[in-house]
Amino acid sequence: MKSRIKSLLALLVMVPVVASAQFPTPVEPDWKDVNYAGDDLKAHNLDIYLPKTQQKTYKVIVAIYGSAWFSNDAKPFAFMSLGQPLIDAGFAVVCINHRSSGDAKFPAQIQDVKAALRFIRAHAAEYKLDTSFVGITGFSSGGHLSALAGVTNGMTTRTEGDTTLDLEGTVGDNTNCSSRVDAVVDWFGPVDMAHMENCETVKDDKSPEAALMGAAPADRPNLVSLISPITYVSLNADQMPRFLVFHGDADNVVPHCQSMFFSEELKKAGRLEEFITVPDGQHGPVTFNEETFKRMVSFFQQEAAAVTQAK
């Protein structure tokens, strides 16, 4: 079992990095291993990258790595995969760790994401961040967490049947700050856990989502619903930001239908900017390319301008 987890972790984290080979030299963050929870867990560290344009402050994009939720310390891969185009466009990029499924079961992971968002707002002046706009993006399991952060804007708890989840949590010292996000770019995230197996049903008790849940998905249908971003779209449309969704049609890790189903719900709710299917796109390679990066950047620029104008 351990070897299987290690192999899958290597696949989900490293494949997107290979796709970003145009960034071969690691970029050092301006601030490294900043702890957002006030503890000593590496899972609660983040890195902050700033453009070199000498502005007083920079609007913010949070980036989350993919790892099938198995890693608690892979934040450099988020930058290597997605960060450089955003930095070049003038955004600050904050790459965060979160607790793995081995550290703690869901909802610990989304609580960590929301804690990091609160920390960013609480310490914006210290790190030259302009939190009038905070976008979020991630790939694979990072796409799941990014999407979940967006669809649960303003929600603290949610109950399905006999299961109640604390989505916001109390991680860190900044619980008086907002964890809202203003725009989401989801790269091939698993967002509908009820249809992960051949787009029809749940996966088995050896799947990454089973490890995240601490149970076989078939045994916990209410938790399957609560862990799935697609569940919240019709419930929370008025609070949600707009979404841009990417998925390759040759993805053999997260089925392409995940983003298709999710985008259909986002469109019904009026929160979908665009769903872009990448022909021959895999789980990172081909899907990550110059054109999709440009589209990500232009979407965040558009949403940042709209938020600024509205405020």
C-alpha atoms as a PDB file:
ATOM      1  CA  MET A   1       0.000   0.000   0.000  1.00  0.00           C
ATOM      2  CA  LYS A   2       2.783   2.446   0.896  1.00  0.00           C
ATOM      3  CA  SER A   3       4.565   1.816  -2.394  1.00  0.00           C
ATOM      4  CA  ARG A   4       1.310   2.399  -4.268  1.00  0.00           C
ATOM      5  CA  ILE A   5       0.783   5.718  -2.510  1.00  0.00           C
ATOM      6  CA  LYS A   6       4.363   6.802  -3.208  1.00  0.00           C
ATOM      7  CA  SER A   7       4.025   5.917  -6.876  1.00  0.00           C
ATOM      8  CA  LEU A   8       0.763   7.805  -7.241  1.00  0.00           C
ATOM      9  CA  LEU A   9       2.151  10.800  -5.380  1.00  0.00           C
ATOM     10  CA  ALA A  10       5.147  10.893  -7.693  1.00  0.00           C
ATOM     11  CA  LEU A  11       2.863  10.708 -10.716  1.00  0.00           C
ATOM     12  CA  LEU A  12       0.474  13.438  -9.640  1.00  0.00           C
ATOM     13  CA  VAL A  13       3.126  15.876  -8.425  1.00  0.00           C
ATOM     14  CA  MET A  14       5.904  15.360 -10.936  1.00  0.00           C
ATOM     15  CA  VAL A  15       3.999  15.016 -14.203  1.00  0.00           C
ATOM     16  CA  PRO A  16       2.822  18.645 -14.216  1.00  0.00           C
ATOM     17  CA  VAL A  17       6.333  19.789 -13.378  1.00  0.00           C
ATOM     18  CA  VAL A  18       7.734  17.941 -16.373  1.00  0.00           C
ATOM     19  CA  ALA A  19       5.146  19.769 -18.455  1.00  0.00           C
ATOM     20  CA  SER A  20       6.580  23.045 -17.209  1.00  0.00           C
ATOM     21  CA  ALA A  21      10.106  22.338 -18.356  1.00  0.00           C
ATOM     22  CA  GLN A  22      10.311  25.862 -19.756  1.00  0.00           C
ATOM     23  CA  PHE A  23      11.007  26.849 -16.126  1.00  0.00           C
ATOM     24  CA  PRO A  24      14.041  24.591 -15.473  1.00  0.00           C
ATOM     25  CA  THR A  25      15.715  26.768 -12.847  1.00  0.00           C
ATOM     26  CA  PRO A  26      13.949  26.814  -9.476  1.00  0.00           C
ATOM     27  CA  VAL A  27      12.888  30.319  -8.473  1.00  0.00           C
ATOM     28  CA  GLU A  28      13.499  31.235  -4.854  1.00  0.00           C
ATOM     29  CA  PRO A  29      10.555  32.865  -3.089  1.00  0.00           C
ATOM     30  CA  ASP A  30      10.858  36.277  -1.490  1.00  0.00           C
ATOM     31  CA  TRP A  31       9.633  34.723   1.755  1.00  0.00           C
ATOM     32  CA  LYS A  32      10.024  30.995   2.345  1.00  0.00           C
ATOM     33  CA  ASP A  33       8.383  28.676   4.866  1.00  0.00           C
ATOM     34  CA  VAL A  34       6.185  31.302   6.482  1.00  0.00           C
ATOM     35  CA  ASN A  35       3.922  29.496   8.927  1.00  0.00           C
ATOM     36  CA  TYR A  36       0.290  30.567   8.569  1.00  0.00           C
ATOM     37  CA  ALA A  37      -1.084  28.612  11.538  1.00  0.00           C
ATOM     38  CA  GLY A  38       1.199  29.673  14.383  1.00  0.00           C
ATOM     39  CA  ASP A  39       2.576  26.165  14.862  1.00  0.00           C
ATOM     40  CA  ASP A  40       5.635  24.198  13.758  1.00  0.00           C
ATOM     41  CA  LEU A  41       4.007  21.990  11.109  1.00  0.00           C
ATOM     42  CA  LYS A  42       5.617  22.079   7.668  1.00  0.00           C
ATOM     43  CA  ALA A  43       2.112  21.402   6.389  1.00  0.00           C
ATOM     44  CA  HIS A  44       1.232  24.925   7.522  1.00  0.00           C
ATOM     45  CA  ASN A  45       4.017  26.729   5.690  1.00  0.00           C
ATOM     46  CA  LEU A  46       3.684  28.934   2.640  1.00  0.00           C
ATOM     47  CA  ASP A  47       6.029  30.669   0.200  1.00  0.00           C
ATOM     48  CA  ILE A  48       5.492  34.160  -1.215  1.00  0.00           C
ATOM     49  CA  TYR A  49       6.815  35.202  -4.634  1.00  0.00           C
ATOM     50  CA  LEU A  50       6.706  38.811  -5.802  1.00  0.00           C
ATOM     51  CA  PRO A  51       7.234  40.287  -9.269  1.00  0.00           C
ATOM     52  CA  LYS A  52      10.374  42.352  -9.768  1.00  0.00           C
ATOM     53  CA  THR A  53       8.506  45.486 -10.813  1.00  0.00           C
ATOM     54  CA  GLN A  54       9.056  47.440  -7.590  1.00  0.00           C
ATOM     55  CA  GLN A  55       5.428  48.186  -6.863  1.00  0.00           C
ATOM     56  CA  LYS A  56       4.220  48.985  -3.384  1.00  0.00           C
ATOM     57  CA  THR A  57       1.757  46.075  -3.385  1.00  0.00           C
ATOM     58  CA  TYR A  58       0.631  43.255  -5.671  1.00  0.00           C
ATOM     59  CA  LYS A  59      -2.700  41.556  -6.145  1.00  0.00           C
ATOM     60  CA  VAL A  60      -2.597  37.927  -5.040  1.00  0.00           C
ATOM     61  CA  ILE A  61      -2.972  34.466  -6.539  1.00  0.00           C
ATOM     62  CA  VAL A  62      -2.836  31.457  -4.203  1.00  0.00           C
ATOM     63  CA  ALA A  63      -1.523  28.285  -5.879  1.00  0.00           C
ATOM     64  CA  ILE A  64      -2.019  24.724  -4.611  1.00  0.00           C
ATOM     65  CA  TYR A  65      -0.061  21.648  -5.714  1.00  0.00           C
ATOM     66  CA  GLY A  66      -1.565  18.336  -6.737  1.00  0.00           C
ATOM     67  CA  SER A  67      -0.647  15.179  -4.842  1.00  0.00           C
ATOM     68  CA  ALA A  68      -3.850  13.155  -4.485  1.00  0.00           C
ATOM     69  CA  TRP A  69      -3.884  14.824  -1.033  1.00  0.00           C
ATOM     70  CA  PHE A  70      -0.940  12.574  -0.049  1.00  0.00           C
ATOM     71  CA  SER A  71       1.675  15.333   0.386  1.00  0.00           C
ATOM     72  CA  ASN A  72       2.011  17.927   3.127  1.00  0.00           C
ATOM     73  CA  ASP A  73       5.106  19.660   1.704  1.00  0.00           C
ATOM     74  CA  ALA A  74       5.030  20.147  -2.078  1.00  0.00           C
ATOM     75  CA  LYS A  75       4.470  23.899  -2.420  1.00  0.00           C
ATOM     76  CA  PRO A  76       7.479  24.489  -4.744  1.00  0.00           C
ATOM     77  CA  PHE A  77       5.757  22.341  -7.367  1.00  0.00           C
ATOM     78  CA  ALA A  78       2.786  24.699  -7.413  1.00  0.00           C
ATOM     79  CA  PHE A  79       5.084  27.525  -8.437  1.00  0.00           C
ATOM     80  CA  MET A  80       7.074  25.434 -10.906  1.00  0.00           C
ATOM     81  CA  SER A  81       3.858  24.381 -12.616  1.00  0.00           C
ATOM     82  CA  LEU A  82       1.767  27.556 -12.527  1.00  0.00           C
ATOM     83  CA  GLY A  83       3.646  30.417 -10.919  1.00  0.00           C
ATOM     84  CA  GLN A  84       5.879  31.990 -13.528  1.00  0.00           C
ATOM     85  CA  PRO A  85       3.163  33.226 -15.933  1.00  0.00           C
ATOM     86  CA  LEU A  86       1.368  34.824 -12.989  1.00  0.00           C
ATOM     87  CA  ILE A  87       4.510  36.515 -11.690  1.00  0.00           C
ATOM     88  CA  ASP A  88       5.262  37.789 -15.198  1.00  0.00           C
ATOM     89  CA  ALA A  89       1.753  39.278 -15.291  1.00  0.00           C
ATOM     90  CA  GLY A  90       2.385  41.245 -12.091  1.00  0.00           C
ATOM     91  CA  PHE A  91       0.628  39.086  -9.501  1.00  0.00           C
ATOM     92  CA  ALA A  92       2.093  38.003  -6.191  1.00  0.00           C
ATOM     93  CA  VAL A  93       1.963  34.210  -6.007  1.00  0.00           C
ATOM     94  CA  VAL A  94       1.475  32.491  -2.652  1.00  0.00           C
ATOM     95  CA  CYS A  95       2.132  28.744  -2.716  1.00  0.00           C
ATOM     96  CA  ILE A  96       0.769  26.882   0.273  1.00  0.00           C
ATOM     97  CA  ASN A  97       1.196  23.525   1.944  1.00  0.00           C
ATOM     98  CA  HIS A  98      -1.712  21.749   3.599  1.00  0.00           C
ATOM     99  CA  ARG A  99      -2.075  18.687   5.794  1.00  0.00           C
ATOM    100  CA  SER A 100      -2.049  15.418   3.893  1.00  0.00           C
ATOM    101  CA  SER A 101      -4.660  12.695   4.161  1.00  0.00           C
ATOM    102  CA  GLY A 102      -2.120  10.818   6.267  1.00  0.00           C
ATOM    103  CA  ASP A 103      -1.869  13.736   8.693  1.00  0.00           C
ATOM    104  CA  ALA A 104      -5.581  14.349   9.106  1.00  0.00           C
ATOM    105  CA  LYS A 105      -8.823  13.494   7.366  1.00  0.00           C
ATOM    106  CA  PHE A 106     -11.061  15.884   5.517  1.00  0.00           C
ATOM    107  CA  PRO A 107     -12.060  18.688   6.169  1.00  0.00           C
ATOM    108  CA  ALA A 108      -8.575  19.450   7.553  1.00  0.00           C
ATOM    109  CA  GLN A 109      -7.301  20.252   4.046  1.00  0.00           C
ATOM    110  CA  ILE A 110      -9.902  22.905   3.194  1.00  0.00           C
ATOM    111  CA  GLN A 111      -9.575  24.326   6.708  1.00  0.00           C
ATOM    112  CA  ASP A 112      -5.854  24.790   6.001  1.00  0.00           C
ATOM    113  CA  VAL A 113      -6.555  26.534   2.699  1.00  0.00           C
ATOM    114  CA  LYS A 114      -8.973  28.906   4.385  1.00  0.00           C
ATOM    115  CA  ALA A 115      -6.503  29.529   7.213  1.00  0.00           C
ATOM    116  CA  ALA A 116      -3.847  30.481   4.655  1.00  0.00           C
ATOM    117  CA  LEU A 117      -6.283  32.886   2.986  1.00  0.00           C
ATOM    118  CA  ARG A 118      -7.042  34.511   6.330  1.00  0.00           C
ATOM    119  CA  PHE A 119      -3.325  34.803   7.083  1.00  0.00           C
ATOM    120  CA  ILE A 120      -2.695  36.497   3.745  1.00  0.00           C
ATOM    121  CA  ARG A 121      -5.279  39.148   4.527  1.00  0.00           C
ATOM    122  CA  ALA A 122      -4.107  39.633   8.114  1.00  0.00           C
ATOM    123  CA  HIS A 123      -0.467  40.101   7.062  1.00  0.00           C
ATOM    124  CA  ALA A 124      -0.931  41.794   3.695  1.00  0.00           C
ATOM    125  CA  ALA A 125       1.046  44.941   4.555  1.00  0.00           C
ATOM    126  CA  GLU A 126       3.979  42.930   5.885  1.00  0.00           C
ATOM    127  CA  TYR A 127       4.374  41.038   2.609  1.00  0.00           C
ATOM    128  CA  LYS A 128       3.409  43.784   0.102  1.00  0.00           C
ATOM    129  CA  LEU A 129       0.139  42.104  -0.815  1.00  0.00           C
ATOM    130  CA  ASP A 130      -2.929  43.872  -2.177  1.00  0.00           C
ATOM    131  CA  THR A 131      -5.791  41.730  -0.939  1.00  0.00           C
ATOM    132  CA  SER A 132      -8.460  43.768  -2.714  1.00  0.00           C
ATOM    133  CA  PHE A 133      -8.193  40.813  -5.103  1.00  0.00           C
ATOM    134  CA  VAL A 134      -7.289  37.257  -4.099  1.00  0.00           C
ATOM    135  CA  GLY A 135      -7.554  34.569  -6.763  1.00  0.00           C
ATOM    136  CA  ILE A 136      -6.835  30.882  -6.329  1.00  0.00           C
ATOM    137  CA  THR A 137      -5.664  28.109  -8.636  1.00  0.00           C
ATOM    138  CA  GLY A 138      -4.432  24.549  -8.373  1.00  0.00           C
ATOM    139  CA  PHE A 139      -4.002  21.335 -10.304  1.00  0.00           C
ATOM    140  CA  SER A 140      -5.396  17.868  -9.601  1.00  0.00           C
ATOM    141  CA  SER A 141      -6.096  17.640  -5.844  1.00  0.00           C
ATOM    142  CA  GLY A 142      -5.017  21.282  -5.689  1.00  0.00           C
ATOM    143  CA  GLY A 143      -7.730  21.994  -8.239  1.00  0.00           C
ATOM    144  CA  HIS A 144     -10.205  20.268  -5.932  1.00  0.00           C
ATOM    145  CA  LEU A 145      -9.182  22.437  -2.980  1.00  0.00           C
ATOM    146  CA  SER A 146      -9.159  25.619  -5.076  1.00  0.00           C
ATOM    147  CA  ALA A 147     -12.623  24.858  -6.410  1.00  0.00           C
ATOM    148  CA  LEU A 148     -13.895  23.995  -2.940  1.00  0.00           C
ATOM    149  CA  ALA A 149     -12.564  27.274  -1.547  1.00  0.00           C
ATOM    150  CA  GLY A 150     -14.504  29.134  -4.238  1.00  0.00           C
ATOM    151  CA  VAL A 151     -17.816  27.309  -3.965  1.00  0.00           C
ATOM    152  CA  THR A 152     -17.850  27.626  -0.161  1.00  0.00           C
ATOM    153  CA  ASN A 153     -17.272  31.385   0.004  1.00  0.00           C
ATOM    154  CA  GLY A 154     -19.102  32.590   3.089  1.00  0.00           C
ATOM    155  CA  MET A 155     -20.050  29.100   4.290  1.00  0.00           C
ATOM    156  CA  THR A 156     -18.773  27.951   7.673  1.00  0.00           C
ATOM    157  CA  THR A 157     -20.502  24.579   8.025  1.00  0.00           C
ATOM    158  CA  ARG A 158     -22.586  22.272   5.862  1.00  0.00           C
ATOM    159  CA  THR A 159     -24.741  19.284   6.774  1.00  0.00           C
ATOM    160  CA  GLU A 160     -25.814  16.378   4.595  1.00  0.00           C
ATOM    161  CA  GLY A 161     -27.979  13.824   6.368  1.00  0.00           C
ATOM    162  CA  ASP A 162     -26.192  12.767   9.547  1.00  0.00           C
ATOM    163  CA  THR A 163     -22.868  14.359   8.563  1.00  0.00           C
ATOM    164  CA  THR A 164     -21.851  17.937   9.395  1.00  0.00           C
ATOM    165  CA  LEU A 165     -18.534  19.433   8.316  1.00  0.00           C
ATOM    166  CA  ASP A 166     -16.788  22.480   9.726  1.00  0.00           C
ATOM    167  CA  LEU A 167     -15.507  23.953   6.460  1.00  0.00           C
ATOM    168  CA  GLU A 168     -13.958  27.127   7.857  1.00  0.00           C
ATOM    169  CA  GLY A 169     -12.161  25.721  10.880  1.00  0.00           C
ATOM    170  CA  THR A 170     -10.175  27.631  13.475  1.00  0.00           C
ATOM    171  CA  VAL A 171      -6.611  27.036  12.269  1.00  0.00           C
ATOM    172  CA  GLY A 172      -4.309  29.958  13.061  1.00  0.00           C
ATOM    173  CA  ASP A 173      -4.731  33.282  14.834  1.00  0.00           C
ATOM    174  CA  ASN A 174      -6.658  35.215  12.180  1.00  0.00           C
ATOM    175  CA  THR A 175     -10.179  33.878  12.480  1.00  0.00           C
ATOM    176  CA  ASN A 176     -11.556  37.418  12.314  1.00  0.00           C
ATOM    177  CA  CYS A 177     -10.327  37.739   8.711  1.00  0.00           C
ATOM    178  CA  SER A 178     -12.112  36.631   5.558  1.00  0.00           C
ATOM    179  CA  SER A 179     -11.248  33.466   3.641  1.00  0.00           C
ATOM    180  CA  ARG A 180     -13.133  34.519   0.494  1.00  0.00           C
ATOM    181  CA  VAL A 181     -11.620  34.186  -2.955  1.00  0.00           C
ATOM    182  CA  ASP A 182     -12.427  36.435  -5.919  1.00  0.00           C
ATOM    183  CA  ALA A 183     -11.743  34.078  -8.849  1.00  0.00           C
ATOM    184  CA  VAL A 184     -10.869  30.405  -9.361  1.00  0.00           C
ATOM    185  CA  VAL A 185      -8.891  28.565 -12.032  1.00  0.00           C
ATOM    186  CA  ASP A 186      -9.374  24.826 -11.658  1.00  0.00           C
ATOM    187  CA  TRP A 187      -6.903  22.603 -13.523  1.00  0.00           C
ATOM    188  CA  PHE A 188      -8.327  19.063 -13.883  1.00  0.00           C
ATOM    189  CA  GLY A 189      -9.472  18.770 -10.284  1.00  0.00           C
ATOM    190  CA  PRO A 190     -11.547  15.842  -8.973  1.00  0.00           C
ATOM    191  CA  VAL A 191     -14.725  17.718  -8.117  1.00  0.00           C
ATOM    192  CA  ASP A 192     -17.505  15.101  -8.174  1.00  0.00           C
ATOM    193  CA  MET A 193     -16.458  12.164  -6.015  1.00  0.00           C
ATOM    194  CA  ALA A 194     -19.706  10.307  -6.694  1.00  0.00           C
ATOM    195  CA  HIS A 195     -18.643   9.839 -10.342  1.00  0.00           C
ATOM    196  CA  MET A 196     -14.901   9.232 -10.227  1.00  0.00           C
ATOM    197  CA  GLU A 197     -15.082   5.620 -11.416  1.00  0.00           C
ATOM    198  CA  ASN A 198     -15.761   5.640 -15.172  1.00  0.00           C
ATOM    199  CA  CYS A 199     -17.883   8.774 -14.704  1.00  0.00           C
ATOM    200  CA  GLU A 200     -20.578   6.579 -13.157  1.00  0.00           C
ATOM    201  CA  THR A 201     -19.923   5.801  -9.505  1.00  0.00           C
ATOM    202  CA  VAL A 202     -17.500   6.100  -6.586  1.00  0.00           C
ATOM    203  CA  LYS A 203     -14.046   4.587  -6.466  1.00  0.00           C
ATOM    204  CA  ASP A 204     -13.091   1.840  -4.025  1.00  0.00           C
ATOM    205  CA  ASP A 205     -11.638   1.866  -0.529  1.00  0.00           C
ATOM    206  CA  LYS A 206      -8.063   2.010  -1.869  1.00  0.00           C
ATOM    207  CA  SER A 207      -8.578   5.272  -3.766  1.00  0.00           C
ATOM    208  CA  PRO A 208      -7.013   8.595  -2.791  1.00  0.00           C
ATOM    209  CA  GLU A 209     -10.434   9.986  -1.902  1.00  0.00           C
ATOM    210  CA  ALA A 210     -11.004   7.020   0.431  1.00  0.00           C
ATOM    211  CA  ALA A 211      -7.746   7.898   2.189  1.00  0.00           C
ATOM    212  CA  LEU A 212      -8.880  11.524   2.395  1.00  0.00           C
ATOM    213  CA  MET A 213     -12.267  10.573   3.812  1.00  0.00           C
ATOM    214  CA  GLY A 214     -11.004   7.809   6.089  1.00  0.00           C
ATOM    215  CA  ALA A 215     -13.673   5.474   4.719  1.00  0.00           C
ATOM    216  CA  ALA A 216     -14.764   3.695   1.590  1.00  0.00           C
ATOM    217  CA  PRO A 217     -16.747   6.221  -0.467  1.00  0.00           C
ATOM    218  CA  ALA A 218     -19.570   3.733  -0.982  1.00  0.00           C
ATOM    219  CA  ASP A 219     -20.030   3.577   2.794  1.00  0.00           C
ATOM    220  CA  ARG A 220     -20.244   7.356   3.310  1.00  0.00           C
ATOM    221  CA  PRO A 221     -22.521   8.908   0.646  1.00  0.00           C
ATOM    222  CA  ASN A 222     -23.162  12.040   2.702  1.00  0.00           C
ATOM    223  CA  LEU A 223     -19.439  12.646   3.096  1.00  0.00           C
ATOM    224  CA  VAL A 224     -18.918  11.979  -0.623  1.00  0.00           C
ATOM    225  CA  SER A 225     -21.387  14.781  -1.304  1.00  0.00           C
ATOM    226  CA  LEU A 226     -19.792  17.175   1.199  1.00  0.00           C
ATOM    227  CA  ILE A 227     -16.277  16.605  -0.108  1.00  0.00           C
ATOM    228  CA  SER A 228     -17.334  17.365  -3.710  1.00  0.00           C
ATOM    229  CA  PRO A 229     -17.240  20.992  -4.921  1.00  0.00           C
ATOM    230  CA  ILE A 230     -20.035  20.274  -7.399  1.00  0.00           C
ATOM    231  CA  THR A 231     -22.460  19.851  -4.476  1.00  0.00           C
ATOM    232  CA  TYR A 232     -22.185  23.480  -3.402  1.00  0.00           C
ATOM    233  CA  VAL A 233     -22.722  25.233  -6.725  1.00  0.00           C
ATOM    234  CA  SER A 234     -26.521  25.360  -6.620  1.00  0.00           C
ATOM    235  CA  LEU A 235     -26.471  26.084  -2.878  1.00  0.00           C
ATOM    236  CA  ASN A 236     -24.127  29.058  -2.850  1.00  0.00           C
ATOM    237  CA  ALA A 237     -24.180  30.673  -6.290  1.00  0.00           C
ATOM    238  CA  ASP A 238     -24.732  34.186  -4.944  1.00  0.00           C
ATOM    239  CA  GLN A 239     -21.512  34.026  -2.931  1.00  0.00           C
ATOM    240  CA  MET A 240     -19.303  32.266  -5.466  1.00  0.00           C
ATOM    241  CA  PRO A 241     -16.701  33.891  -7.730  1.00  0.00           C
ATOM    242  CA  ARG A 242     -16.355  33.130 -11.422  1.00  0.00           C
ATOM    243  CA  PHE A 243     -14.501  30.006 -12.541  1.00  0.00           C
ATOM    244  CA  LEU A 244     -12.222  29.072 -15.417  1.00  0.00           C
ATOM    245  CA  VAL A 245     -11.822  25.306 -15.822  1.00  0.00           C
ATOM    246  CA  PHE A 246      -9.182  23.357 -17.788  1.00  0.00           C
ATOM    247  CA  HIS A 247      -9.107  19.628 -18.461  1.00  0.00           C
ATOM    248  CA  GLY A 248      -7.349  17.464 -21.021  1.00  0.00           C
ATOM    249  CA  ASP A 249      -9.459  14.925 -22.875  1.00  0.00           C
ATOM    250  CA  ALA A 250      -6.684  12.310 -22.515  1.00  0.00           C
ATOM    251  CA  ASP A 251      -6.379  12.609 -18.727  1.00  0.00           C
ATOM    252  CA  ASN A 252      -6.059   9.051 -17.357  1.00  0.00           C
ATOM    253  CA  VAL A 253      -5.939  10.075 -13.680  1.00  0.00           C
ATOM    254  CA  VAL A 254      -8.929  12.388 -13.192  1.00  0.00           C
ATOM    255  CA  PRO A 255     -11.669  11.694 -15.748  1.00  0.00           C
ATOM    256  CA  HIS A 256     -12.420  14.537 -18.158  1.00  0.00           C
ATOM    257  CA  CYS A 257     -16.107  14.230 -17.225  1.00  0.00           C
ATOM    258  CA  GLN A 258     -15.305  15.631 -13.779  1.00  0.00           C
ATOM    259  CA  SER A 259     -14.721  19.085 -15.214  1.00  0.00           C
ATOM    260  CA  MET A 260     -17.519  18.646 -17.747  1.00  0.00           C
ATOM    261  CA  PHE A 261     -20.123  17.913 -15.042  1.00  0.00           C
ATOM    262  CA  PHE A 262     -18.771  20.686 -12.808  1.00  0.00           C
ATOM    263  CA  SER A 263     -18.767  23.241 -15.604  1.00  0.00           C
ATOM    264  CA  GLU A 264     -22.350  22.406 -16.518  1.00  0.00           C
ATOM    265  CA  GLU A 265     -23.407  23.243 -12.960  1.00  0.00           C
ATOM    266  CA  LEU A 266     -21.304  26.411 -12.887  1.00  0.00           C
ATOM    267  CA  LYS A 267     -22.857  27.529 -16.161  1.00  0.00           C
ATOM    268  CA  LYS A 268     -26.390  26.995 -14.807  1.00  0.00           C
ATOM    269  CA  ALA A 269     -25.441  29.128 -11.801  1.00  0.00           C
ATOM    270  CA  GLY A 270     -23.974  31.880 -13.993  1.00  0.00           C
ATOM    271  CA  ARG A 271     -20.495  31.456 -12.501  1.00  0.00           C
ATOM    272  CA  LEU A 272     -18.596  29.869 -15.399  1.00  0.00           C
ATOM    273  CA  GLU A 273     -16.261  31.996 -17.469  1.00  0.00           C
ATOM    274  CA  GLU A 274     -15.224  29.102 -19.727  1.00  0.00           C
ATOM    275  CA  PHE A 275     -14.570  25.371 -19.742  1.00  0.00           C
ATOM    276  CA  ILE A 276     -11.567  24.632 -21.933  1.00  0.00           C
ATOM    277  CA  THR A 277     -11.010  21.063 -23.077  1.00  0.00           C
ATOM    278  CA  VAL A 278      -7.428  20.547 -24.248  1.00  0.00           C
ATOM    279  CA  PRO A 279      -7.229  18.027 -27.118  1.00  0.00           C
ATOM    280  CA  ASP A 280      -4.828  15.187 -26.246  1.00  0.00           C
ATOM    281  CA  GLY A 281      -4.256  16.882 -22.899  1.00  0.00           C
ATOM    282  CA  GLN A 282      -3.005  14.600 -20.160  1.00  0.00           C
ATOM    283  CA  HIS A 283      -2.766  15.054 -16.407  1.00  0.00           C
ATOM    284  CA  GLY A 284      -0.434  18.027 -16.802  1.00  0.00           C
ATOM    285  CA  PRO A 285       1.515  17.434 -20.037  1.00  0.00           C
ATOM    286  CA  VAL A 286      -0.103  19.081 -23.080  1.00  0.00           C
ATOM    287  CA  THR A 287      -2.850  20.534 -20.841  1.00  0.00           C
ATOM    288  CA  PHE A 288      -0.240  22.908 -19.426  1.00  0.00           C
ATOM    289  CA  ASN A 289       0.870  24.959 -22.432  1.00  0.00           C
ATOM    290  CA  GLU A 290       1.542  28.519 -23.492  1.00  0.00           C
ATOM    291  CA  GLU A 291      -2.030  29.152 -24.613  1.00  0.00           C
ATOM    292  CA  THR A 292      -3.697  27.779 -21.489  1.00  0.00           C
ATOM    293  CA  PHE A 293      -1.292  29.770 -19.304  1.00  0.00           C
ATOM    294  CA  LYS A 294      -2.175  32.927 -21.256  1.00  0.00           C
ATOM    295  CA  ARG A 295      -5.858  32.217 -20.786  1.00  0.00           C
ATOM    296  CA  MET A 296      -5.369  31.736 -17.045  1.00  0.00           C
ATOM    297  CA  VAL A 297      -3.522  35.032 -16.763  1.00  0.00           C
ATOM    298  CA  SER A 298      -6.064  36.986 -18.821  1.00  0.00           C
ATOM    299  CA  PHE A 299      -8.916  35.580 -16.750  1.00  0.00           C
ATOM    300  CA  PHE A 300      -7.312  36.623 -13.471  1.00  0.00           C
ATOM    301  CA  GLN A 301      -6.522  40.069 -14.913  1.00  0.00           C
ATOM    302  CA  GLN A 302     -10.129  40.446 -16.048  1.00  0.00           C
ATOM    303  CA  GLU A 303     -11.529  39.408 -12.695  1.00  0.00           C
ATOM    304  CA  ALA A 304      -9.083  41.598 -10.775  1.00  0.00           C
ATOM    305  CA  ALA A 305     -10.138  44.609 -12.853  1.00  0.00           C
ATOM    306  CA  ALA A 306     -13.815  43.814 -12.297  1.00  0.00           C
ATOM    307  CA  VAL A 307     -13.376  43.455  -8.542  1.00  0.00           C
ATOM    308  CA  THR A 308     -11.359  46.670  -8.346  1.00  0.00           C
ATOM    309  CA  GLN A 309     -14.004  48.551 -10.319  1.00  0.00           C
ATOM    310  CA  ALA A 310     -16.801  47.159  -8.162  1.00  0.00           C
ATOM    311  CA  LYS A 311     -15.043  48.241  -4.982  1.00  0.00           C
END
